[in-house]
Every structure is written in C-alpha cells, then in structure tokens.
Amino acid sequence: MEEYKYKLNLGLISADSETTLEKYCYTWLYQYKKIEWKPSTFARNEGIYRNYIQGSPIAKFKLLDLKTIHFQKYINKIVKEKTIATRK
C-alpha cells in the first residue's frame, strides 16, 4: 500500500477509483516485479498472491477504500483459522 501511495504521489500510476487490491497486486506482480526478481523470488511472491490475496475477502476492496482495519481483520481471520486447523 505504501508503494502504491508513493507511486501515486509521483504520478507514476493513476488513481483509478475502480482498481481493486486484487487487480493492483496482479498488475504489480506480473508487469513490474516479474522482470526484476529472480524466478524463485517471483514464485514465492506469486504463491502469496494466490493463497492470500486472489479471491480473498479483501481482494475486491477498491484501493482507495482500503483501511488498515481491513487488513488487520483479514490477518486475524487467517491466524484464527490456522490456529484452529493446527489444533485438530
């Protein structure tokens, strides 16, 4: 999010009011980082995107509407589900 705000302030990207977290992360990953990173770094981050962003409860939030509380609630949900899953 900080990188998005930084680039937005520099005019490197536009503030499309319809851009979702999922769309932005996909674009950032495949259009910007894929050519910069080693294949192993890309694969690790692509897995994070697939497992935690793509199709997640916060994926469809518009970037301009996202707040810290949305991320915290999602992280809490993941931690709770993982804790429950590991106790079985």
Protein backbone atom coordinates (compact mmCIF):
# COMPACT_ATOMS: atom_id res chain seq x y z
CA MET A 1 0.00 0.00 0.00
CA GLU A 2 2.85 2.38 0.83
CA GLU A 3 4.45 1.72 -2.55
CA TYR A 4 1.12 2.42 -4.24
CA LYS A 5 0.74 5.74 -2.40
CA TYR A 6 4.34 6.69 -3.17
CA LYS A 7 3.97 6.00 -6.90
CA LEU A 8 0.60 7.73 -6.93
CA ASN A 9 2.14 10.87 -5.43
CA LEU A 10 4.94 10.81 -8.00
CA GLY A 11 2.44 10.44 -10.83
CA LEU A 12 3.82 7.07 -11.88
CA ILE A 13 0.39 5.47 -11.64
CA SER A 14 -3.11 6.85 -11.84
CA ALA A 15 -5.71 6.80 -9.09
CA ASP A 16 -8.30 4.69 -10.84
CA SER A 17 -11.23 4.65 -8.45
CA GLU A 18 -12.19 1.18 -9.65
CA THR A 19 -8.83 -0.53 -9.05
CA THR A 20 -9.18 -3.33 -6.53
CA LEU A 21 -6.49 -4.78 -4.31
CA GLU A 22 -6.54 -8.00 -6.33
CA LYS A 23 -6.17 -6.16 -9.66
CA TYR A 24 -3.39 -3.92 -8.37
CA CYS A 25 -1.42 -6.81 -6.83
CA TYR A 26 -1.74 -8.84 -10.03
CA THR A 27 -0.53 -5.94 -12.16
CA TRP A 28 2.29 -5.10 -9.74
CA LEU A 29 3.42 -8.71 -9.61
CA TYR A 30 3.22 -9.65 -13.29
CA GLN A 31 4.03 -6.35 -15.01
CA TYR A 32 6.58 -4.83 -12.67
CA LYS A 33 8.21 -7.40 -10.42
CA LYS A 34 8.35 -10.48 -12.64
CA ILE A 35 11.10 -8.93 -14.76
CA GLU A 36 13.02 -7.59 -11.73
CA TRP A 37 13.03 -10.63 -9.46
CA LYS A 38 14.79 -13.97 -9.65
CA PRO A 39 12.40 -16.79 -10.60
CA SER A 40 12.45 -18.16 -7.04
CA THR A 41 11.52 -14.77 -5.56
CA PHE A 42 8.74 -14.35 -8.08
CA ALA A 43 7.41 -17.86 -7.39
CA ARG A 44 7.33 -17.26 -3.63
CA ASN A 45 5.50 -13.95 -4.01
CA GLU A 46 3.15 -15.31 -6.66
CA GLY A 47 2.21 -18.06 -4.19
CA ILE A 48 1.48 -15.46 -1.52
CA TYR A 49 -0.70 -13.60 -4.00
CA ARG A 50 -2.60 -16.77 -4.98
CA ASN A 51 -3.06 -18.00 -1.41
CA TYR A 52 -3.79 -14.78 0.44
CA ILE A 53 -4.94 -12.09 -2.00
CA GLN A 54 -6.60 -13.63 -5.05
CA GLY A 55 -10.22 -14.39 -4.22
CA SER A 56 -9.82 -13.34 -0.57
CA PRO A 57 -12.33 -11.27 1.43
CA ILE A 58 -10.21 -8.14 0.90
CA ALA A 59 -9.44 -8.77 -2.79
CA LYS A 60 -12.44 -6.87 -4.13
CA PHE A 61 -11.92 -3.78 -2.00
CA LYS A 62 -11.09 -0.72 -4.05
CA LEU A 63 -7.63 0.57 -3.15
CA LEU A 64 -9.00 3.99 -2.37
CA ASP A 65 -11.38 2.45 0.20
CA LEU A 66 -8.90 0.13 1.94
CA LYS A 67 -8.00 0.93 5.53
CA THR A 68 -5.60 -0.64 7.99
CA ILE A 69 -8.53 -2.19 9.86
CA HIS A 70 -9.50 -4.23 6.78
CA PHE A 71 -6.03 -5.78 6.64
CA GLN A 72 -5.98 -6.40 10.39
CA LYS A 73 -9.35 -8.16 10.38
CA TYR A 74 -8.22 -10.35 7.48
CA ILE A 75 -4.92 -11.21 9.20
CA ASN A 76 -6.77 -12.04 12.42
CA LYS A 77 -9.09 -14.35 10.45
CA ILE A 78 -6.15 -16.15 8.83
CA VAL A 79 -4.36 -16.57 12.16
CA LYS A 80 -7.52 -17.88 13.85
CA GLU A 81 -8.22 -20.37 11.05
CA LYS A 82 -4.62 -21.58 11.06
CA THR A 83 -4.65 -21.97 14.85
CA ILE A 84 -7.89 -23.96 14.70
CA ALA A 85 -6.60 -26.11 11.84
CA THR A 86 -3.35 -26.96 13.64
CA ARG A 87 -5.11 -27.98 16.87
CA LYS A 88 -7.12 -30.76 15.22
